[in-house]
């Protein structure tokens, strides 16, 4: 279950992530509410790499 508190009826800004899924590795980028990239990394297409994503 997820709970989000709002102030004055406005949702707080949230980061957004994108995953480029490929056969050998997966590139991940996270941007903040202004669209600025805050994180960028890749993980292997194996059990250890996929565990990193969760």
PDB file of N, CA and C in Angstrom:
ATOM      1  N   UNK A   1       0.839  -1.163   0.000  1.00  0.00           N
ATOM      2  CA  UNK A   1       0.000   0.000   0.000  1.00  0.00           C
ATOM      3  C   UNK A   1       0.890   1.234   0.000  1.00  0.00           C
ATOM      4  N   UNK A   2       0.507   2.251  -0.730  1.00  0.00           N
ATOM      5  CA  UNK A   2       1.259   3.494  -0.818  1.00  0.00           C
ATOM      6  C   UNK A   2       0.411   4.639  -0.287  1.00  0.00           C
ATOM      7  N   UNK A   3       1.027   5.493   0.518  1.00  0.00           N
ATOM      8  CA  UNK A   3       0.327   6.647   1.069  1.00  0.00           C
ATOM      9  C   UNK A   3       1.087   7.898   0.667  1.00  0.00           C
ATOM     10  N   UNK A   4       0.376   8.863   0.094  1.00  0.00           N
ATOM     11  CA  UNK A   4       0.987  10.125  -0.306  1.00  0.00           C
ATOM     12  C   UNK A   4       0.280  11.259   0.404  1.00  0.00           C
ATOM     13  N   UNK A   5       1.047  12.093   1.077  1.00  0.00           N
ATOM     14  CA  UNK A   5       0.473  13.268   1.722  1.00  0.00           C
ATOM     15  C   UNK A   5       0.562  14.443   0.764  1.00  0.00           C
ATOM     16  N   UNK A   6      -0.475  15.258   0.749  1.00  0.00           N
ATOM     17  CA  UNK A   6      -0.456  16.456  -0.081  1.00  0.00           C
ATOM     18  C   UNK A   6      -0.560  17.684   0.805  1.00  0.00           C
ATOM     19  N   UNK A   7       0.009  18.764   0.332  1.00  0.00           N
ATOM     20  CA  UNK A   7      -0.056  20.037   1.040  1.00  0.00           C
ATOM     21  C   UNK A   7      -0.865  20.984   0.176  1.00  0.00           C
ATOM     22  N   UNK A   8      -1.973  21.458   0.688  1.00  0.00           N
ATOM     23  CA  UNK A   8      -2.805  22.368  -0.084  1.00  0.00           C
ATOM     24  C   UNK A   8      -3.376  21.745  -1.346  1.00  0.00           C
ATOM     25  N   UNK A   9      -3.539  20.420  -1.346  1.00  0.00           N
ATOM     26  CA  UNK A   9      -4.118  19.743  -2.500  1.00  0.00           C
ATOM     27  C   UNK A   9      -3.167  19.567  -3.669  1.00  0.00           C
ATOM     28  N   UNK A  10      -1.884  19.885  -3.487  1.00  0.00           N
ATOM     29  CA  UNK A  10      -0.904  19.759  -4.572  1.00  0.00           C
ATOM     30  C   UNK A  10      -0.039  18.539  -4.309  1.00  0.00           C
ATOM     31  N   UNK A  11       0.078  17.674  -5.318  1.00  0.00           N
ATOM     32  CA  UNK A  11       0.926  16.499  -5.196  1.00  0.00           C
ATOM     33  C   UNK A  11       2.389  16.922  -5.086  1.00  0.00           C
ATOM     34  N   UNK A  12       3.165  16.277  -4.214  1.00  0.00           N
ATOM     35  CA  UNK A  12       4.591  16.588  -4.156  1.00  0.00           C
ATOM     36  C   UNK A  12       5.281  16.105  -5.434  1.00  0.00           C
ATOM     37  N   UNK A  13       6.355  16.779  -5.858  1.00  0.00           N
ATOM     38  CA  UNK A  13       7.069  16.342  -7.051  1.00  0.00           C
ATOM     39  C   UNK A  13       7.658  14.954  -6.837  1.00  0.00           C
ATOM     40  N   UNK A  14       7.636  14.165  -7.879  1.00  0.00           N
ATOM     41  CA  UNK A  14       8.146  12.803  -7.783  1.00  0.00           C
ATOM     42  C   UNK A  14       9.184  12.564  -8.867  1.00  0.00           C
ATOM     43  N   UNK A  15      10.189  11.761  -8.546  1.00  0.00           N
ATOM     44  CA  UNK A  15      11.139  11.382  -9.586  1.00  0.00           C
ATOM     45  C   UNK A  15      10.488  10.392 -10.548  1.00  0.00           C
ATOM     46  N   UNK A  16      11.025  10.328 -11.741  1.00  0.00           N
ATOM     47  CA  UNK A  16      10.548   9.402 -12.761  1.00  0.00           C
ATOM     48  C   UNK A  16      11.740   8.612 -13.274  1.00  0.00           C
ATOM     49  N   UNK A  17      11.549   7.320 -13.490  1.00  0.00           N
ATOM     50  CA  UNK A  17      12.638   6.474 -13.983  1.00  0.00           C
ATOM     51  C   UNK A  17      12.252   5.865 -15.316  1.00  0.00           C
ATOM     52  N   UNK A  18      13.269   5.651 -16.136  1.00  0.00           N
ATOM     53  CA  UNK A  18      13.079   4.967 -17.406  1.00  0.00           C
ATOM     54  C   UNK A  18      14.107   3.861 -17.528  1.00  0.00           C
ATOM     55  N   UNK A  19      13.711   2.751 -18.139  1.00  0.00           N
ATOM     56  CA  UNK A  19      14.614   1.617 -18.318  1.00  0.00           C
ATOM     57  C   UNK A  19      14.670   1.272 -19.790  1.00  0.00           C
ATOM     58  N   UNK A  20      15.893   1.213 -20.336  1.00  0.00           N
ATOM     59  CA  UNK A  20      16.114   0.752 -21.702  1.00  0.00           C
ATOM     60  C   UNK A  20      16.474  -0.721 -21.609  1.00  0.00           C
ATOM     61  N   UNK A  21      15.495  -1.579 -21.893  1.00  0.00           N
ATOM     62  CA  UNK A  21      15.634  -3.024 -21.734  1.00  0.00           C
ATOM     63  C   UNK A  21      16.345  -3.584 -22.955  1.00  0.00           C
ATOM     64  N   UNK A  22      17.405  -4.352 -22.748  1.00  0.00           N
ATOM     65  CA  UNK A  22      18.172  -4.924 -23.854  1.00  0.00           C
ATOM     66  C   UNK A  22      18.527  -6.371 -23.534  1.00  0.00           C
ATOM     67  N   UNK A  23      19.208  -7.026 -24.455  1.00  0.00           N
ATOM     68  CA  UNK A  23      19.491  -8.447 -24.270  1.00  0.00           C
ATOM     69  C   UNK A  23      20.680  -8.722 -23.355  1.00  0.00           C
ATOM     70  N   UNK A  24      21.623  -7.768 -23.238  1.00  0.00           N
ATOM     71  CA  UNK A  24      22.799  -7.997 -22.404  1.00  0.00           C
ATOM     72  C   UNK A  24      22.821  -7.160 -21.136  1.00  0.00           C
ATOM     73  N   UNK A  25      22.375  -5.904 -21.226  1.00  0.00           N
ATOM     74  CA  UNK A  25      22.286  -5.066 -20.043  1.00  0.00           C
ATOM     75  C   UNK A  25      21.155  -4.064 -20.215  1.00  0.00           C
ATOM     76  N   UNK A  26      20.783  -3.420 -19.118  1.00  0.00           N
ATOM     77  CA  UNK A  26      19.652  -2.502 -19.119  1.00  0.00           C
ATOM     78  C   UNK A  26      20.115  -1.156 -18.575  1.00  0.00           C
ATOM     79  N   UNK A  27      19.881  -0.089 -19.326  1.00  0.00           N
ATOM     80  CA  UNK A  27      20.261   1.257 -18.903  1.00  0.00           C
ATOM     81  C   UNK A  27      19.094   1.882 -18.150  1.00  0.00           C
ATOM     82  N   UNK A  28      19.395   2.542 -17.054  1.00  0.00           N
ATOM     83  CA  UNK A  28      18.376   3.155 -16.205  1.00  0.00           C
ATOM     84  C   UNK A  28      18.712   4.632 -16.025  1.00  0.00           C
ATOM     85  N   UNK A  29      17.705   5.488 -16.151  1.00  0.00           N
ATOM     86  CA  UNK A  29      17.878   6.917 -15.893  1.00  0.00           C
ATOM     87  C   UNK A  29      16.740   7.381 -14.992  1.00  0.00           C
ATOM     88  N   UNK A  30      17.069   8.236 -14.040  1.00  0.00           N
ATOM     89  CA  UNK A  30      16.082   8.813 -13.131  1.00  0.00           C
ATOM     90  C   UNK A  30      16.161  10.328 -13.264  1.00  0.00           C
ATOM     91  N   UNK A  31      14.998  10.966 -13.436  1.00  0.00           N
ATOM     92  CA  UNK A  31      14.944  12.426 -13.522  1.00  0.00           C
ATOM     93  C   UNK A  31      14.056  12.955 -12.402  1.00  0.00           C
ATOM     94  N   UNK A  32      14.361  14.178 -11.967  1.00  0.00           N
ATOM     95  CA  UNK A  32      13.562  14.797 -10.914  1.00  0.00           C
ATOM     96  C   UNK A  32      12.367  15.531 -11.513  1.00  0.00           C
ATOM     97  N   UNK A  33      11.627  16.245 -10.669  1.00  0.00           N
ATOM     98  CA  UNK A  33      10.407  16.920 -11.116  1.00  0.00           C
ATOM     99  C   UNK A  33      10.684  18.029 -12.121  1.00  0.00           C
ATOM    100  N   UNK A  34      11.944  18.497 -12.216  1.00  0.00           N
ATOM    101  CA  UNK A  34      12.306  19.514 -13.205  1.00  0.00           C
ATOM    102  C   UNK A  34      12.829  18.905 -14.498  1.00  0.00           C
ATOM    103  N   UNK A  35      12.884  17.572 -14.554  1.00  0.00           N
ATOM    104  CA  UNK A  35      13.404  16.901 -15.735  1.00  0.00           C
ATOM    105  C   UNK A  35      14.915  16.773 -15.751  1.00  0.00           C
ATOM    106  N   UNK A  36      15.556  17.087 -14.626  1.00  0.00           N
ATOM    107  CA  UNK A  36      17.011  16.976 -14.524  1.00  0.00           C
ATOM    108  C   UNK A  36      17.390  15.551 -14.131  1.00  0.00           C
ATOM    109  N   UNK A  37      18.348  14.986 -14.840  1.00  0.00           N
ATOM    110  CA  UNK A  37      18.793  13.633 -14.542  1.00  0.00           C
ATOM    111  C   UNK A  37      19.510  13.602 -13.195  1.00  0.00           C
ATOM    112  N   UNK A  38      19.073  12.709 -12.326  1.00  0.00           N
ATOM    113  CA  UNK A  38      19.683  12.597 -11.006  1.00  0.00           C
ATOM    114  C   UNK A  38      20.498  11.317 -10.848  1.00  0.00           C
ATOM    115  N   UNK A  39      20.148  10.286 -11.592  1.00  0.00           N
ATOM    116  CA  UNK A  39      20.868   9.013 -11.532  1.00  0.00           C
ATOM    117  C   UNK A  39      20.899   8.408 -12.932  1.00  0.00           C
ATOM    118  N   UNK A  40      21.994   7.723 -13.219  1.00  0.00           N
ATOM    119  CA  UNK A  40      22.108   7.002 -14.488  1.00  0.00           C
ATOM    120  C   UNK A  40      23.040   5.824 -14.240  1.00  0.00           C
ATOM    121  N   UNK A  41      22.573   4.629 -14.575  1.00  0.00           N
ATOM    122  CA  UNK A  41      23.400   3.442 -14.380  1.00  0.00           C
ATOM    123  C   UNK A  41      22.880   2.330 -15.274  1.00  0.00           C
ATOM    124  N   UNK A  42      23.627   1.248 -15.348  1.00  0.00           N
ATOM    125  CA  UNK A  42      23.156   0.085 -16.087  1.00  0.00           C
ATOM    126  C   UNK A  42      23.339  -1.145 -15.216  1.00  0.00           C
ATOM    127  N   UNK A  43      22.529  -2.142 -15.492  1.00  0.00           N
ATOM    128  CA  UNK A  43      22.614  -3.412 -14.778  1.00  0.00           C
ATOM    129  C   UNK A  43      22.664  -4.531 -15.804  1.00  0.00           C
ATOM    130  N   UNK A  44      23.296  -5.614 -15.416  1.00  0.00           N
ATOM    131  CA  UNK A  44      23.407  -6.773 -16.301  1.00  0.00           C
ATOM    132  C   UNK A  44      22.050  -7.467 -16.435  1.00  0.00           C
ATOM    133  N   UNK A  45      21.895  -8.170 -17.554  1.00  0.00           N
ATOM    134  CA  UNK A  45      20.682  -8.954 -17.786  1.00  0.00           C
ATOM    135  C   UNK A  45      20.890 -10.335 -17.170  1.00  0.00           C
ATOM    136  N   UNK A  46      20.944 -10.349 -15.851  1.00  0.00           N
ATOM    137  CA  UNK A  46      21.056 -11.598 -15.106  1.00  0.00           C
ATOM    138  C   UNK A  46      20.339 -11.410 -13.764  1.00  0.00           C
ATOM    139  N   UNK A  47      20.305 -12.464 -12.979  1.00  0.00           N
ATOM    140  CA  UNK A  47      19.557 -12.406 -11.718  1.00  0.00           C
ATOM    141  C   UNK A  47      20.077 -11.302 -10.801  1.00  0.00           C
ATOM    142  N   UNK A  48      21.388 -11.169 -10.690  1.00  0.00           N
ATOM    143  CA  UNK A  48      21.957 -10.145  -9.801  1.00  0.00           C
ATOM    144  C   UNK A  48      21.607  -8.745 -10.291  1.00  0.00           C
ATOM    145  N   UNK A  49      21.705  -8.511 -11.590  1.00  0.00           N
ATOM    146  CA  UNK A  49      21.383  -7.199 -12.136  1.00  0.00           C
ATOM    147  C   UNK A  49      19.922  -6.846 -11.951  1.00  0.00           C
ATOM    148  N   UNK A  50      19.051  -7.800 -12.186  1.00  0.00           N
ATOM    149  CA  UNK A  50      17.620  -7.536 -12.034  1.00  0.00           C
ATOM    150  C   UNK A  50      17.240  -7.316 -10.573  1.00  0.00           C
ATOM    151  N   UNK A  51      17.937  -7.979  -9.641  1.00  0.00           N
ATOM    152  CA  UNK A  51      17.694  -7.728  -8.218  1.00  0.00           C
ATOM    153  C   UNK A  51      18.055  -6.290  -7.860  1.00  0.00           C
ATOM    154  N   UNK A  52      19.058  -5.740  -8.526  1.00  0.00           N
ATOM    155  CA  UNK A  52      19.452  -4.352  -8.282  1.00  0.00           C
ATOM    156  C   UNK A  52      18.304  -3.399  -8.592  1.00  0.00           C
ATOM    157  N   UNK A  53      17.500  -3.721  -9.587  1.00  0.00           N
ATOM    158  CA  UNK A  53      16.390  -2.851  -9.977  1.00  0.00           C
ATOM    159  C   UNK A  53      15.235  -2.879  -8.987  1.00  0.00           C
ATOM    160  N   UNK A  54      15.132  -3.936  -8.219  1.00  0.00           N
ATOM    161  CA  UNK A  54      14.027  -4.014  -7.266  1.00  0.00           C
ATOM    162  C   UNK A  54      14.575  -3.832  -5.906  1.00  0.00           C
TER     163      UNK A  54
END
